[in-house]
Amino acid sequence: MEKVKLLEQLFDEKLIAIINVFLQAPEREFYLKEISQAAKVPMATTHRILQKLKKASVIKERSISKFKVYTLMKNENADFLSTIMKHKPKAVETFIHEVIKVEDAIDRIILHGEERADRANLLLIGEDIDGGVVKSVAADIESQFNYRITFMILTQEQYAQMIDMGLYSGKKKIIWEKSK
């Protein structure tokens, strides 16, 4: 079993999500709100977890005026976490990152069903989304990761109607949403 999967089963997924934010950008300083948004963890929970990580000497806190920034420490504890949680970019995460850079009409991306080892089904919700651009990004992901992303582009109204009709029953998870 992959080490990260084992950790996800044994430990709080919110803690792991926050640690992963730091491991993806070990040199970067983050504000509390940035960490919370990147990890998709409520700010109060993020703050509590940051205090725990600070006490464990995994991250350090620095005050700038009225604000605090957090960064990954360069020590044995952080190195150990980095080793066991070696984060490789996932295909879906990379797809989201790339598609929102080139297509700003997307308001929300929803994972429909379970993400599998070789593919994922996504619903892209927004007005006037360019399907050609999205298709190109999906093709790049398929060639880079050998991972197939199937997607459907819908307006918010179309999505709501399909939900009402029961066409998108089953597991759905919002995996990205545009900040308002």
C-alpha atoms as a PDB file:
ATOM      1  CA  MET A   1       0.000   0.000   0.000  1.00  0.00           C
ATOM      2  CA  GLU A   2       1.264   3.443  -0.854  1.00  0.00           C
ATOM      3  CA  LYS A   3       2.608   5.293   2.205  1.00  0.00           C
ATOM      4  CA  VAL A   4       0.368   8.348   1.742  1.00  0.00           C
ATOM      5  CA  LYS A   5      -2.732   6.142   1.420  1.00  0.00           C
ATOM      6  CA  LEU A   6      -1.807   4.414   4.675  1.00  0.00           C
ATOM      7  CA  LEU A   7      -1.385   7.781   6.402  1.00  0.00           C
ATOM      8  CA  GLU A   8      -4.756   8.945   5.060  1.00  0.00           C
ATOM      9  CA  GLN A   9      -6.371   5.878   6.612  1.00  0.00           C
ATOM     10  CA  LEU A  10      -4.625   6.305   9.954  1.00  0.00           C
ATOM     11  CA  PHE A  11      -4.649  10.085  10.419  1.00  0.00           C
ATOM     12  CA  ASP A  12      -7.034  12.984  10.079  1.00  0.00           C
ATOM     13  CA  GLU A  13      -7.453  13.873   6.405  1.00  0.00           C
ATOM     14  CA  LYS A  14      -7.514  17.591   7.277  1.00  0.00           C
ATOM     15  CA  LEU A  15      -4.098  17.352   8.911  1.00  0.00           C
ATOM     16  CA  ILE A  16      -2.704  15.549   5.871  1.00  0.00           C
ATOM     17  CA  ALA A  17      -4.255  18.109   3.493  1.00  0.00           C
ATOM     18  CA  ILE A  18      -2.575  20.957   5.394  1.00  0.00           C
ATOM     19  CA  ILE A  19       0.793  19.191   5.504  1.00  0.00           C
ATOM     20  CA  ASN A  20       0.516  18.613   1.744  1.00  0.00           C
ATOM     21  CA  VAL A  21       0.051  22.353   1.165  1.00  0.00           C
ATOM     22  CA  PHE A  22       3.474  22.928   2.708  1.00  0.00           C
ATOM     23  CA  LEU A  23       5.113  19.953   0.995  1.00  0.00           C
ATOM     24  CA  GLN A  24       3.986  21.180  -2.432  1.00  0.00           C
ATOM     25  CA  ALA A  25       5.732  24.520  -1.875  1.00  0.00           C
ATOM     26  CA  PRO A  26       8.332  23.997   0.875  1.00  0.00           C
ATOM     27  CA  GLU A  27      10.016  27.391   0.434  1.00  0.00           C
ATOM     28  CA  ARG A  28       6.822  29.438   0.364  1.00  0.00           C
ATOM     29  CA  GLU A  29       5.299  31.424   3.213  1.00  0.00           C
ATOM     30  CA  PHE A  30       1.517  31.116   3.561  1.00  0.00           C
ATOM     31  CA  TYR A  31      -1.132  33.168   5.278  1.00  0.00           C
ATOM     32  CA  LEU A  32      -3.724  31.277   7.307  1.00  0.00           C
ATOM     33  CA  LYS A  33      -6.435  31.968   4.738  1.00  0.00           C
ATOM     34  CA  GLU A  34      -4.269  30.657   1.872  1.00  0.00           C
ATOM     35  CA  ILE A  35      -3.589  27.412   3.714  1.00  0.00           C
ATOM     36  CA  SER A  36      -7.251  27.009   4.592  1.00  0.00           C
ATOM     37  CA  GLN A  37      -8.357  27.522   0.986  1.00  0.00           C
ATOM     38  CA  ALA A  38      -5.646  25.335  -0.547  1.00  0.00           C
ATOM     39  CA  ALA A  39      -6.348  22.470   1.876  1.00  0.00           C
ATOM     40  CA  LYS A  40     -10.132  23.002   1.766  1.00  0.00           C
ATOM     41  CA  VAL A  41     -10.203  23.020   5.564  1.00  0.00           C
ATOM     42  CA  PRO A  42     -12.150  25.583   7.655  1.00  0.00           C
ATOM     43  CA  MET A  43      -9.986  28.428   8.994  1.00  0.00           C
ATOM     44  CA  ALA A  44     -10.578  27.623  12.675  1.00  0.00           C
ATOM     45  CA  THR A  45      -9.560  23.991  12.108  1.00  0.00           C
ATOM     46  CA  THR A  46      -6.583  25.103  10.018  1.00  0.00           C
ATOM     47  CA  HIS A  47      -5.433  27.397  12.833  1.00  0.00           C
ATOM     48  CA  ARG A  48      -5.715  24.576  15.391  1.00  0.00           C
ATOM     49  CA  ILE A  49      -3.748  22.192  13.152  1.00  0.00           C
ATOM     50  CA  LEU A  50      -1.077  24.839  12.484  1.00  0.00           C
ATOM     51  CA  GLN A  51      -0.566  25.228  16.234  1.00  0.00           C
ATOM     52  CA  LYS A  52      -0.110  21.453  16.513  1.00  0.00           C
ATOM     53  CA  LEU A  53       2.407  21.436  13.622  1.00  0.00           C
ATOM     54  CA  LYS A  54       4.239  24.403  15.125  1.00  0.00           C
ATOM     55  CA  LYS A  55       4.496  22.633  18.487  1.00  0.00           C
ATOM     56  CA  ALA A  56       5.861  19.536  16.678  1.00  0.00           C
ATOM     57  CA  SER A  57       8.519  21.726  14.995  1.00  0.00           C
ATOM     58  CA  VAL A  58       7.238  20.990  11.500  1.00  0.00           C
ATOM     59  CA  ILE A  59       6.319  24.551  10.571  1.00  0.00           C
ATOM     60  CA  LYS A  60       7.402  27.934  11.811  1.00  0.00           C
ATOM     61  CA  GLU A  61       5.346  31.055  12.320  1.00  0.00           C
ATOM     62  CA  ARG A  62       6.546  34.553  11.552  1.00  0.00           C
ATOM     63  CA  SER A  63       4.730  37.817  12.300  1.00  0.00           C
ATOM     64  CA  ILE A  64       4.527  40.536   9.679  1.00  0.00           C
ATOM     65  CA  SER A  65       2.783  43.586  11.078  1.00  0.00           C
ATOM     66  CA  LYS A  66      -0.639  42.303  12.197  1.00  0.00           C
ATOM     67  CA  PHE A  67      -0.400  39.118  10.150  1.00  0.00           C
ATOM     68  CA  LYS A  68       1.291  35.778  10.617  1.00  0.00           C
ATOM     69  CA  VAL A  69       2.848  33.652   7.897  1.00  0.00           C
ATOM     70  CA  TYR A  70       3.714  29.991   8.084  1.00  0.00           C
ATOM     71  CA  THR A  71       6.424  28.014   6.323  1.00  0.00           C
ATOM     72  CA  LEU A  72       7.810  24.507   6.437  1.00  0.00           C
ATOM     73  CA  MET A  73      10.843  24.207   8.700  1.00  0.00           C
ATOM     74  CA  LYS A  74      14.112  22.778   7.446  1.00  0.00           C
ATOM     75  CA  ASN A  75      14.716  20.125  10.071  1.00  0.00           C
ATOM     76  CA  GLU A  76      14.517  16.367  10.695  1.00  0.00           C
ATOM     77  CA  ASN A  77      10.781  16.437  11.469  1.00  0.00           C
ATOM     78  CA  ALA A  78       9.876  18.172   8.209  1.00  0.00           C
ATOM     79  CA  ASP A  79      12.314  15.983   6.265  1.00  0.00           C
ATOM     80  CA  PHE A  80      10.702  12.867   7.719  1.00  0.00           C
ATOM     81  CA  LEU A  81       7.213  14.021   6.718  1.00  0.00           C
ATOM     82  CA  SER A  82       8.477  14.931   3.277  1.00  0.00           C
ATOM     83  CA  THR A  83       9.991  11.476   2.859  1.00  0.00           C
ATOM     84  CA  ILE A  84       6.920   9.489   3.882  1.00  0.00           C
ATOM     85  CA  MET A  85       4.430  11.791   2.164  1.00  0.00           C
ATOM     86  CA  LYS A  86       6.341  12.337  -1.065  1.00  0.00           C
ATOM     87  CA  HIS A  87       3.730  14.265  -2.988  1.00  0.00           C
ATOM     88  CA  LYS A  88       3.589  13.604  -6.680  1.00  0.00           C
ATOM     89  CA  PRO A  89       1.239  15.763  -8.698  1.00  0.00           C
ATOM     90  CA  LYS A  90      -2.025  13.982  -9.291  1.00  0.00           C
ATOM     91  CA  ALA A  91      -3.599  14.063 -12.715  1.00  0.00           C
ATOM     92  CA  VAL A  92      -6.873  15.627 -11.534  1.00  0.00           C
ATOM     93  CA  GLU A  93      -5.079  18.306  -9.486  1.00  0.00           C
ATOM     94  CA  THR A  94      -2.874  19.108 -12.468  1.00  0.00           C
ATOM     95  CA  PHE A  95      -5.912  19.225 -14.771  1.00  0.00           C
ATOM     96  CA  ILE A  96      -7.678  21.696 -12.465  1.00  0.00           C
ATOM     97  CA  HIS A  97      -4.577  23.857 -12.128  1.00  0.00           C
ATOM     98  CA  GLU A  98      -4.038  23.975 -15.891  1.00  0.00           C
ATOM     99  CA  VAL A  99      -7.656  24.384 -17.000  1.00  0.00           C
ATOM    100  CA  ILE A 100      -8.434  27.290 -14.651  1.00  0.00           C
ATOM    101  CA  LYS A 101      -5.324  29.099 -15.942  1.00  0.00           C
ATOM    102  CA  VAL A 102      -6.635  29.072 -19.516  1.00  0.00           C
ATOM    103  CA  GLU A 103     -10.418  29.082 -19.035  1.00  0.00           C
ATOM    104  CA  ASP A 104     -11.760  31.664 -16.580  1.00  0.00           C
ATOM    105  CA  ALA A 105     -15.445  30.932 -17.358  1.00  0.00           C
ATOM    106  CA  ILE A 106     -15.390  27.866 -15.091  1.00  0.00           C
ATOM    107  CA  ASP A 107     -17.197  28.492 -11.812  1.00  0.00           C
ATOM    108  CA  ARG A 108     -17.039  25.012 -10.326  1.00  0.00           C
ATOM    109  CA  ILE A 109     -15.563  21.585 -11.019  1.00  0.00           C
ATOM    110  CA  ILE A 110     -17.349  18.552  -9.612  1.00  0.00           C
ATOM    111  CA  LEU A 111     -16.009  15.015  -9.374  1.00  0.00           C
ATOM    112  CA  HIS A 112     -18.852  12.699 -10.406  1.00  0.00           C
ATOM    113  CA  GLY A 113     -18.411   9.241  -8.917  1.00  0.00           C
ATOM    114  CA  GLU A 114     -15.095   8.014  -7.555  1.00  0.00           C
ATOM    115  CA  GLU A 115     -11.684   9.075  -8.789  1.00  0.00           C
ATOM    116  CA  ARG A 116     -10.041   5.918 -10.100  1.00  0.00           C
ATOM    117  CA  ALA A 117      -6.421   5.015 -10.628  1.00  0.00           C
ATOM    118  CA  ASP A 118      -6.710   5.611 -14.376  1.00  0.00           C
ATOM    119  CA  ARG A 119      -9.636   7.998 -14.885  1.00  0.00           C
ATOM    120  CA  ALA A 120     -12.088  10.501 -13.433  1.00  0.00           C
ATOM    121  CA  ASN A 121     -15.421  11.969 -14.554  1.00  0.00           C
ATOM    122  CA  LEU A 122     -15.730  15.714 -14.072  1.00  0.00           C
ATOM    123  CA  LEU A 123     -18.560  18.194 -14.462  1.00  0.00           C
ATOM    124  CA  LEU A 124     -17.445  21.717 -15.375  1.00  0.00           C
ATOM    125  CA  ILE A 125     -20.055  24.293 -14.420  1.00  0.00           C
ATOM    126  CA  GLY A 126     -20.025  27.808 -15.866  1.00  0.00           C
ATOM    127  CA  GLU A 127     -21.206  30.091 -18.651  1.00  0.00           C
ATOM    128  CA  ASP A 128     -19.566  30.013 -22.106  1.00  0.00           C
ATOM    129  CA  ILE A 129     -16.805  27.531 -21.263  1.00  0.00           C
ATOM    130  CA  ASP A 130     -14.653  26.800 -24.323  1.00  0.00           C
ATOM    131  CA  GLY A 131     -14.853  23.028 -24.778  1.00  0.00           C
ATOM    132  CA  GLY A 132     -11.906  22.994 -27.171  1.00  0.00           C
ATOM    133  CA  VAL A 133      -9.582  24.478 -24.571  1.00  0.00           C
ATOM    134  CA  VAL A 134     -10.756  21.992 -21.933  1.00  0.00           C
ATOM    135  CA  LYS A 135     -10.399  19.092 -24.371  1.00  0.00           C
ATOM    136  CA  SER A 136      -6.827  20.145 -25.133  1.00  0.00           C
ATOM    137  CA  VAL A 137      -5.913  20.256 -21.426  1.00  0.00           C
ATOM    138  CA  ALA A 138      -7.540  16.840 -20.875  1.00  0.00           C
ATOM    139  CA  ALA A 139      -5.519  15.416 -23.800  1.00  0.00           C
ATOM    140  CA  ASP A 140      -2.306  16.815 -22.308  1.00  0.00           C
ATOM    141  CA  ILE A 141      -3.133  15.182 -18.951  1.00  0.00           C
ATOM    142  CA  GLU A 142      -3.839  11.873 -20.673  1.00  0.00           C
ATOM    143  CA  SER A 143      -0.483  11.884 -22.447  1.00  0.00           C
ATOM    144  CA  GLN A 144       1.459  13.139 -19.423  1.00  0.00           C
ATOM    145  CA  PHE A 145      -0.093  10.885 -16.744  1.00  0.00           C
ATOM    146  CA  ASN A 146      -1.723   8.108 -18.795  1.00  0.00           C
ATOM    147  CA  TYR A 147      -4.905   9.197 -17.029  1.00  0.00           C
ATOM    148  CA  ARG A 148      -8.230   9.822 -18.743  1.00  0.00           C
ATOM    149  CA  ILE A 149     -10.392  12.752 -17.705  1.00  0.00           C
ATOM    150  CA  THR A 150     -13.875  12.667 -19.141  1.00  0.00           C
ATOM    151  CA  PHE A 151     -15.814  15.851 -18.682  1.00  0.00           C
ATOM    152  CA  MET A 152     -19.137  17.467 -19.372  1.00  0.00           C
ATOM    153  CA  ILE A 153     -19.628  21.207 -19.598  1.00  0.00           C
ATOM    154  CA  LEU A 154     -22.878  22.532 -18.153  1.00  0.00           C
ATOM    155  CA  THR A 155     -24.339  25.877 -17.161  1.00  0.00           C
ATOM    156  CA  GLN A 156     -25.525  26.166 -13.566  1.00  0.00           C
ATOM    157  CA  GLU A 157     -29.132  25.994 -14.806  1.00  0.00           C
ATOM    158  CA  GLN A 158     -28.488  22.826 -16.859  1.00  0.00           C
ATOM    159  CA  TYR A 159     -26.759  21.200 -13.916  1.00  0.00           C
ATOM    160  CA  ALA A 160     -29.657  22.037 -11.578  1.00  0.00           C
ATOM    161  CA  GLN A 161     -32.186  20.632 -14.077  1.00  0.00           C
ATOM    162  CA  MET A 162     -30.213  17.402 -14.496  1.00  0.00           C
ATOM    163  CA  ILE A 163     -30.006  16.989 -10.722  1.00  0.00           C
ATOM    164  CA  ASP A 164     -33.771  17.530 -10.471  1.00  0.00           C
ATOM    165  CA  MET A 165     -34.313  14.872 -13.146  1.00  0.00           C
ATOM    166  CA  GLY A 166     -32.110  12.441 -11.237  1.00  0.00           C
ATOM    167  CA  LEU A 167     -29.569  12.200 -14.050  1.00  0.00           C
ATOM    168  CA  TYR A 168     -26.633  13.001 -11.788  1.00  0.00           C
ATOM    169  CA  SER A 169     -27.460  10.920  -8.776  1.00  0.00           C
ATOM    170  CA  GLY A 170     -24.714   9.193  -6.873  1.00  0.00           C
ATOM    171  CA  LYS A 171     -21.583  10.582  -5.354  1.00  0.00           C
ATOM    172  CA  LYS A 172     -20.636  14.138  -6.301  1.00  0.00           C
ATOM    173  CA  LYS A 173     -17.858  16.190  -4.758  1.00  0.00           C
ATOM    174  CA  ILE A 174     -16.963  19.791  -5.500  1.00  0.00           C
ATOM    175  CA  ILE A 175     -13.209  19.678  -6.047  1.00  0.00           C
ATOM    176  CA  TRP A 176     -12.719  23.289  -7.142  1.00  0.00           C
ATOM    177  CA  GLU A 177     -14.805  26.432  -6.894  1.00  0.00           C
ATOM    178  CA  LYS A 178     -14.076  29.945  -8.042  1.00  0.00           C
ATOM    179  CA  SER A 179     -13.582  32.419  -5.188  1.00  0.00           C
ATOM    180  CA  LYS A 180     -16.385  34.911  -5.030  1.00  0.00           C
END
